[in-house]
Amino acid sequence: MYKLIRRGLFRFGGGDAEVAHHRTTAILAKAAPVLGPLGKVLTVDAPVTVFGVRFPNPVGLAAGMDKDGTALHAWPALGFGFVEVGTVTAIAQPGNPKPRLFRLVDSEAVINRMGFNNSGADALASRLLAGRKPKVPLGISIGKSKVVPVEQAVEDYRKSLRALYPYGDYFAVNVSSPNTPGLRGLQDRSALSELLAELTLECKALAERERSAPRPLLVKIAPDLTDEAIAEVLEVCDEHGVSGVIATNTTLSREGIAPADQHLASEAGGLSGRPLTVRAREVVSFVHKQTGGSLPIIGVGGIMDTDDAARMFDAGASLVQLYTGFIYGGPGLVRRIGRSRR
């Protein structure tokens, strides 16, 4: 049935992927109040506790699907055990010029160069303050505002963290999107160390005001890093007591694109979906082995069916996230993966 629904969704906006994305999210936002009965069918109880947060099931919605948190109450009704919004920036920004989102249907993939289009951290904070937080754990992905020089990135990230700290159950530090100039350079040892040192201190200071434990801070890494570079990132994470790693973001590689989609291979941006399946799993496995299993991992990238999810868990992921897999597989995929973990 979802294949028929998907066919209709893909036709929204004359086949424009971004128009379809926004219209679908808007429909879900409006339909959230009546999705309760569907939630009882799709929701799977397979609880797991990771970095001190209890998740009703280990299948989450990845950042990018609901950047501004406009449909927060719909995602749990579709079976997700947690939701990550964003990536959000301190300064509201329109993102990169359109078109910037492309479906590669034969490849079960997507290329995007969205560029952190979002309404800003303060706008998201206002929405959450108004009671928009979902019933499942909420992760908030924060990134660098495009107009802010890399040299001032620390304060830019800190502003977003301060604005959103009361509402997130964990925070993801996105230093790996390929669509913001200079951002991936923040994965280098010195830059990442400075950033995490300041954000960790900020978390502790904000937690003291609340008289609570600091919120978990996670780092999202790129699949295009070498093993040596990933090892350096992990050393920095260990030095600053980071709670976990999200592996991985989209890739700049174009390997695995089907012949019918080659006309889109030259589009700039990050590739997600089936072509990323193996590489994302390799990174998760490397992180797991490098840390001796001591650092929790959220596995994301190319999870298109239950077998992909099982292999990601076997590689060392404690939780998984869906984005492109959800686009092609729908809510049924969320439920099937959840049921496989009971």
Protein backbone atom coordinates (compact mmCIF):
# COMPACT_ATOMS: atom_id res chain seq x y z
CA MET A 1 0.00 0.00 0.00
CA TYR A 2 2.77 2.43 0.86
CA LYS A 3 4.22 2.03 -2.65
CA LEU A 4 0.97 3.44 -4.03
CA ILE A 5 1.00 6.26 -1.50
CA ARG A 6 4.64 6.97 -2.29
CA ARG A 7 3.86 7.24 -5.97
CA GLY A 8 1.35 9.96 -5.21
CA LEU A 9 3.70 11.76 -2.81
CA PHE A 10 6.47 11.78 -5.39
CA ARG A 11 4.12 13.56 -7.80
CA PHE A 12 3.54 16.49 -5.43
CA GLY A 13 4.72 19.76 -6.92
CA GLY A 14 5.11 18.26 -10.36
CA GLY A 15 7.73 15.86 -9.09
CA ASP A 16 9.79 18.52 -7.29
CA ALA A 17 11.30 16.61 -4.34
CA GLU A 18 11.51 19.61 -2.02
CA VAL A 19 7.93 20.70 -2.67
CA ALA A 20 6.78 17.15 -1.95
CA HIS A 21 8.84 17.12 1.24
CA HIS A 22 7.34 20.34 2.58
CA ARG A 23 3.77 19.42 1.61
CA THR A 24 4.07 16.00 3.22
CA THR A 25 5.45 17.48 6.43
CA ALA A 26 2.65 20.07 6.46
CA ILE A 27 0.03 17.35 6.02
CA LEU A 28 1.54 15.33 8.87
CA ALA A 29 1.59 18.39 11.11
CA LYS A 30 -2.12 18.98 10.55
CA ALA A 31 -2.99 15.28 10.79
CA ALA A 32 -1.05 14.67 14.02
CA PRO A 33 -4.10 15.05 16.31
CA VAL A 34 -5.96 12.26 14.50
CA LEU A 35 -3.03 9.87 14.09
CA GLY A 36 -3.53 8.32 17.52
CA PRO A 37 -5.21 5.11 16.29
CA LEU A 38 -2.50 4.66 13.66
CA GLY A 39 0.13 5.07 16.35
CA LYS A 40 -1.33 2.17 18.30
CA VAL A 41 -0.84 -0.03 15.24
CA LEU A 42 2.62 1.15 14.24
CA THR A 43 4.27 1.82 17.59
CA VAL A 44 6.50 -0.97 18.87
CA ASP A 45 7.52 -1.28 22.52
CA ALA A 46 11.18 -2.27 22.52
CA PRO A 47 12.71 0.00 25.18
CA VAL A 48 16.42 0.68 25.42
CA THR A 49 18.43 3.11 27.54
CA VAL A 50 21.40 4.81 25.86
CA PHE A 51 23.60 7.60 27.30
CA GLY A 52 21.14 7.88 30.19
CA VAL A 53 18.06 8.44 28.00
CA ARG A 54 15.26 5.87 27.83
CA PHE A 55 13.97 5.28 24.30
CA PRO A 56 10.66 3.42 23.80
CA ASN A 57 12.25 1.74 20.78
CA PRO A 58 15.63 2.17 19.06
CA VAL A 59 14.39 3.52 15.70
CA GLY A 60 14.62 7.29 15.30
CA LEU A 61 13.89 9.93 12.70
CA ALA A 62 17.14 11.46 11.45
CA ALA A 63 17.82 15.18 11.33
CA GLY A 64 16.82 16.88 8.09
CA MET A 65 13.32 15.48 7.76
CA ASP A 66 11.71 17.98 10.15
CA LYS A 67 14.25 20.77 10.45
CA ASP A 68 12.00 23.25 12.28
CA GLY A 69 10.02 20.76 14.33
CA THR A 70 6.70 21.52 12.67
CA ALA A 71 5.34 17.95 12.75
CA LEU A 72 6.77 16.75 16.04
CA HIS A 73 3.65 14.96 17.25
CA ALA A 74 3.21 13.02 14.01
CA TRP A 75 6.49 11.09 14.09
CA PRO A 76 5.82 9.05 17.26
CA ALA A 77 2.42 8.12 15.78
CA LEU A 78 4.30 6.72 12.78
CA GLY A 79 6.27 4.44 15.09
CA PHE A 80 9.49 6.36 15.76
CA GLY A 81 11.05 5.88 19.19
CA PHE A 82 12.81 9.23 19.05
CA VAL A 83 13.01 12.29 16.82
CA GLU A 84 15.99 14.46 15.90
CA VAL A 85 15.14 17.92 14.56
CA GLY A 86 17.39 20.36 12.73
CA THR A 87 20.01 20.92 11.76
CA VAL A 88 19.24 24.31 13.27
CA THR A 89 21.53 27.34 13.31
CA ALA A 90 21.75 30.36 15.58
CA ILE A 91 20.83 32.65 12.69
CA ALA A 92 17.81 31.88 10.52
CA GLN A 93 18.85 31.18 6.94
CA PRO A 94 17.23 30.23 3.62
CA GLY A 95 19.79 27.61 2.65
CA ASN A 96 21.29 27.11 -0.78
CA PRO A 97 19.63 28.10 -4.09
CA LYS A 98 16.96 25.80 -5.50
CA PRO A 99 16.69 23.18 -6.87
CA ARG A 100 18.66 21.45 -4.12
CA LEU A 101 16.95 18.11 -3.46
CA PHE A 102 16.93 15.22 -5.96
CA ARG A 103 15.49 11.71 -5.86
CA LEU A 104 17.46 8.89 -7.47
CA VAL A 105 14.64 6.37 -7.52
CA ASP A 106 16.39 3.44 -9.18
CA SER A 107 19.24 3.83 -6.69
CA GLU A 108 16.91 4.25 -3.70
CA ALA A 109 18.87 7.40 -2.94
CA VAL A 110 18.67 11.15 -2.50
CA ILE A 111 21.13 13.95 -3.22
CA ASN A 112 20.68 17.13 -1.23
CA ARG A 113 22.48 20.42 -0.93
CA MET A 114 19.91 22.09 1.32
CA GLY A 115 22.47 24.09 3.29
CA PHE A 116 20.84 24.12 6.76
CA ASN A 117 17.70 25.98 5.67
CA ASN A 118 15.86 26.69 8.93
CA SER A 119 14.04 29.37 10.91
CA GLY A 120 16.75 29.64 13.54
CA ALA A 121 17.32 28.39 17.08
CA ASP A 122 15.11 31.02 18.72
CA ALA A 123 12.15 30.14 16.50
CA LEU A 124 12.49 26.45 17.34
CA ALA A 125 12.81 27.28 21.04
CA SER A 126 9.59 29.31 20.86
CA ARG A 127 7.77 26.42 19.18
CA LEU A 128 8.97 23.97 21.83
CA LEU A 129 8.12 26.39 24.63
CA ALA A 130 4.57 26.49 23.31
CA GLY A 131 4.23 22.80 24.06
CA ARG A 132 5.36 21.25 20.83
CA LYS A 133 7.80 18.73 22.32
CA PRO A 134 6.95 15.15 21.28
CA LYS A 135 6.16 12.27 23.65
CA VAL A 136 9.38 10.49 22.71
CA PRO A 137 12.96 11.67 23.33
CA LEU A 138 13.91 14.72 21.28
CA GLY A 139 17.36 15.18 19.82
CA ILE A 140 18.37 18.58 18.46
CA SER A 141 21.05 18.87 15.79
CA ILE A 142 22.96 22.17 15.83
CA GLY A 143 25.22 23.52 13.09
CA LYS A 144 27.13 26.62 12.02
CA SER A 145 25.33 29.59 10.49
CA LYS A 146 26.62 30.13 6.96
CA VAL A 147 27.28 33.87 7.42
CA VAL A 148 29.41 33.25 10.51
CA PRO A 149 33.14 32.80 9.81
CA VAL A 150 34.60 29.46 10.83
CA GLU A 151 36.81 31.32 13.30
CA GLN A 152 33.64 32.35 15.18
CA ALA A 153 31.94 28.96 14.98
CA VAL A 154 32.25 28.17 18.69
CA GLU A 155 30.14 31.11 19.81
CA ASP A 156 27.64 30.44 17.02
CA TYR A 157 27.11 26.84 18.18
CA ARG A 158 26.96 28.01 21.78
CA LYS A 159 24.10 30.41 21.01
CA SER A 160 22.02 27.58 19.58
CA LEU A 161 22.81 25.33 22.54
CA ARG A 162 21.79 28.02 25.03
CA ALA A 163 18.53 28.75 23.25
CA LEU A 164 17.49 25.12 22.92
CA TYR A 165 19.02 23.47 25.97
CA PRO A 166 15.80 23.29 28.04
CA TYR A 167 14.03 21.30 25.34
CA GLY A 168 16.45 18.68 24.03
CA ASP A 169 17.01 15.23 25.50
CA TYR A 170 20.34 15.14 23.64
CA PHE A 171 22.22 17.45 21.30
CA ALA A 172 24.00 16.49 18.08
CA VAL A 173 26.93 18.66 17.01
CA ASN A 174 26.83 18.60 13.22
CA VAL A 175 30.34 19.21 11.88
CA SER A 176 29.95 16.93 8.88
CA SER A 177 27.42 18.32 6.42
CA PRO A 178 29.03 18.80 3.01
CA ASN A 179 26.71 21.71 2.18
CA THR A 180 28.08 24.51 4.39
CA PRO A 181 31.48 25.86 3.28
CA GLY A 182 34.25 25.08 5.75
CA LEU A 183 32.04 23.07 8.10
CA ARG A 184 33.77 19.72 7.68
CA GLY A 185 37.04 21.39 8.68
CA LEU A 186 35.61 21.48 12.20
CA GLN A 187 36.25 17.72 12.35
CA ASP A 188 40.00 18.45 12.45
CA ARG A 189 41.55 17.76 15.84
CA SER A 190 42.30 21.31 17.01
CA ALA A 191 39.06 22.86 15.77
CA LEU A 192 36.91 20.04 17.12
CA SER A 193 38.70 20.06 20.46
CA GLU A 194 38.08 23.77 20.92
CA LEU A 195 34.42 23.42 19.93
CA LEU A 196 33.70 20.45 22.18
CA ALA A 197 35.58 21.95 25.12
CA GLU A 198 33.38 25.04 25.05
CA LEU A 199 30.11 23.21 24.39
CA THR A 200 30.83 20.71 27.18
CA LEU A 201 31.46 23.56 29.61
CA GLU A 202 28.28 25.26 28.46
CA CYS A 203 26.26 22.08 29.01
CA LYS A 204 27.64 21.79 32.54
CA ALA A 205 26.87 25.43 33.33
CA LEU A 206 23.32 25.14 32.00
CA ALA A 207 22.80 21.89 33.90
CA GLU A 208 23.93 23.53 37.15
CA ARG A 209 21.25 26.17 36.71
CA GLU A 210 18.67 23.43 36.32
CA ARG A 211 20.25 21.36 39.09
CA SER A 212 20.30 18.37 36.79
CA ALA A 213 22.82 16.21 34.94
CA PRO A 214 24.20 17.72 31.70
CA ARG A 215 22.35 16.75 28.53
CA PRO A 216 24.20 14.21 26.38
CA LEU A 217 26.34 15.77 23.65
CA LEU A 218 26.97 13.74 20.49
CA VAL A 219 29.13 14.38 17.43
CA LYS A 220 27.91 13.59 13.91
CA ILE A 221 30.71 12.53 11.57
CA ALA A 222 31.13 12.21 7.82
CA PRO A 223 31.48 8.87 6.01
CA ASP A 224 34.23 10.32 3.84
CA LEU A 225 36.80 10.53 6.66
CA THR A 226 39.71 8.10 6.64
CA ASP A 227 40.08 5.64 9.51
CA GLU A 228 42.96 7.75 10.83
CA ALA A 229 40.80 10.88 10.82
CA ILE A 230 37.93 9.07 12.53
CA ALA A 231 40.34 7.80 15.18
CA GLU A 232 41.42 11.39 15.85
CA VAL A 233 37.81 12.49 16.17
CA LEU A 234 37.20 9.69 18.66
CA GLU A 235 40.24 10.71 20.71
CA VAL A 236 38.91 14.26 20.93
CA CYS A 237 35.47 12.97 21.89
CA ASP A 238 37.03 10.90 24.66
CA GLU A 239 39.09 13.85 25.93
CA HIS A 240 35.94 15.96 26.34
CA GLY A 241 33.58 13.30 27.63
CA VAL A 242 31.27 13.27 24.62
CA SER A 243 28.30 10.95 25.17
CA GLY A 244 28.16 9.37 21.73
CA VAL A 245 28.72 9.51 17.99
CA ILE A 246 26.24 9.66 15.12
CA ALA A 247 27.62 7.79 12.12
CA THR A 248 27.18 8.93 9.44
CA ASN A 249 26.19 12.04 7.54
CA THR A 250 25.75 12.05 3.75
CA THR A 251 28.63 11.29 1.39
CA LEU A 252 30.31 13.15 -1.44
CA SER A 253 31.01 9.83 -3.16
CA ARG A 254 28.90 8.84 -6.13
CA GLU A 255 29.65 5.13 -6.03
CA GLY A 256 26.64 2.84 -6.24
CA ILE A 257 24.39 5.09 -8.31
CA ALA A 258 22.29 3.09 -10.78
CA PRO A 259 22.75 3.69 -14.54
CA ALA A 260 19.27 5.22 -14.82
CA ASP A 261 20.24 7.88 -12.25
CA GLN A 262 23.66 8.79 -13.64
CA HIS A 263 22.29 12.05 -15.09
CA LEU A 264 21.92 13.28 -11.49
CA ALA A 265 25.32 12.10 -10.28
CA SER A 266 26.94 15.42 -11.14
CA GLU A 267 24.57 17.37 -8.87
CA ALA A 268 26.48 18.88 -5.95
CA GLY A 269 25.55 17.82 -2.43
CA GLY A 270 25.48 14.85 -0.13
CA LEU A 271 24.28 11.43 -1.25
CA SER A 272 22.15 9.29 1.07
CA GLY A 273 20.27 6.00 0.80
CA ARG A 274 21.23 2.62 -0.61
CA PRO A 275 24.66 3.67 -2.01
CA LEU A 276 25.70 4.65 1.54
CA THR A 277 24.63 1.39 3.23
CA VAL A 278 27.99 -0.39 3.30
CA ARG A 279 30.15 2.64 4.08
CA ALA A 280 27.97 3.82 6.96
CA ARG A 281 28.09 0.35 8.48
CA GLU A 282 31.88 0.22 8.05
CA VAL A 283 32.23 3.49 9.96
CA VAL A 284 29.98 2.26 12.77
CA SER A 285 32.00 -0.95 13.00
CA PHE A 286 35.28 1.00 13.11
CA VAL A 287 34.01 3.34 15.83
CA HIS A 288 32.74 0.39 17.87
CA LYS A 289 36.04 -1.49 17.63
CA GLN A 290 38.19 1.61 18.15
CA THR A 291 36.37 2.48 21.37
CA GLY A 292 35.97 -1.07 22.60
CA GLY A 293 32.22 -0.60 22.54
CA SER A 294 32.40 2.04 25.26
CA LEU A 295 31.02 4.91 23.16
CA PRO A 296 27.33 4.71 22.19
CA ILE A 297 26.68 4.99 18.45
CA ILE A 298 23.59 6.09 16.55
CA GLY A 299 23.86 4.36 13.18
CA VAL A 300 22.40 6.19 10.22
CA GLY A 301 22.93 5.94 6.48
CA GLY A 302 21.50 3.55 3.92
CA ILE A 303 19.17 1.65 6.25
CA MET A 304 16.60 0.59 3.68
CA ASP A 305 15.25 -2.66 5.16
CA THR A 306 15.31 -4.77 8.33
CA ASP A 307 18.44 -6.60 7.21
CA ASP A 308 20.32 -3.31 6.88
CA ALA A 309 19.17 -2.36 10.38
CA ALA A 310 20.19 -5.73 11.82
CA ARG A 311 23.65 -5.43 10.30
CA MET A 312 23.96 -1.89 11.68
CA PHE A 313 23.10 -3.09 15.18
CA ASP A 314 25.51 -6.01 14.77
CA ALA A 315 28.22 -3.55 13.76
CA GLY A 316 27.84 -1.79 17.11
CA ALA A 317 25.00 0.73 16.85
CA SER A 318 22.85 1.15 19.95
CA LEU A 319 20.21 3.13 18.05
CA VAL A 320 19.45 3.68 14.37
CA GLN A 321 17.92 6.56 12.44
CA LEU A 322 16.02 6.67 9.16
CA TYR A 323 15.65 9.41 6.57
CA THR A 324 16.00 8.17 3.00
CA GLY A 325 14.92 4.69 4.07
CA PHE A 326 11.73 6.19 5.47
CA ILE A 327 11.09 8.07 2.21
CA TYR A 328 11.28 4.85 0.21
CA GLY A 329 9.98 2.39 2.83
CA GLY A 330 7.42 4.36 4.82
CA PRO A 331 6.13 3.77 8.35
CA GLY A 332 6.04 0.01 7.82
CA LEU A 333 9.83 -0.02 7.79
CA VAL A 334 9.93 1.72 11.18
CA ARG A 335 7.62 -0.91 12.63
CA ARG A 336 9.45 -3.87 11.11
CA ILE A 337 12.81 -2.72 12.47
CA GLY A 338 11.30 -2.05 15.89
CA ARG A 339 9.69 -5.48 16.02
CA SER A 340 12.99 -7.11 15.09
CA ARG A 341 14.56 -5.64 18.25
CA ARG A 342 11.99 -6.93 20.74
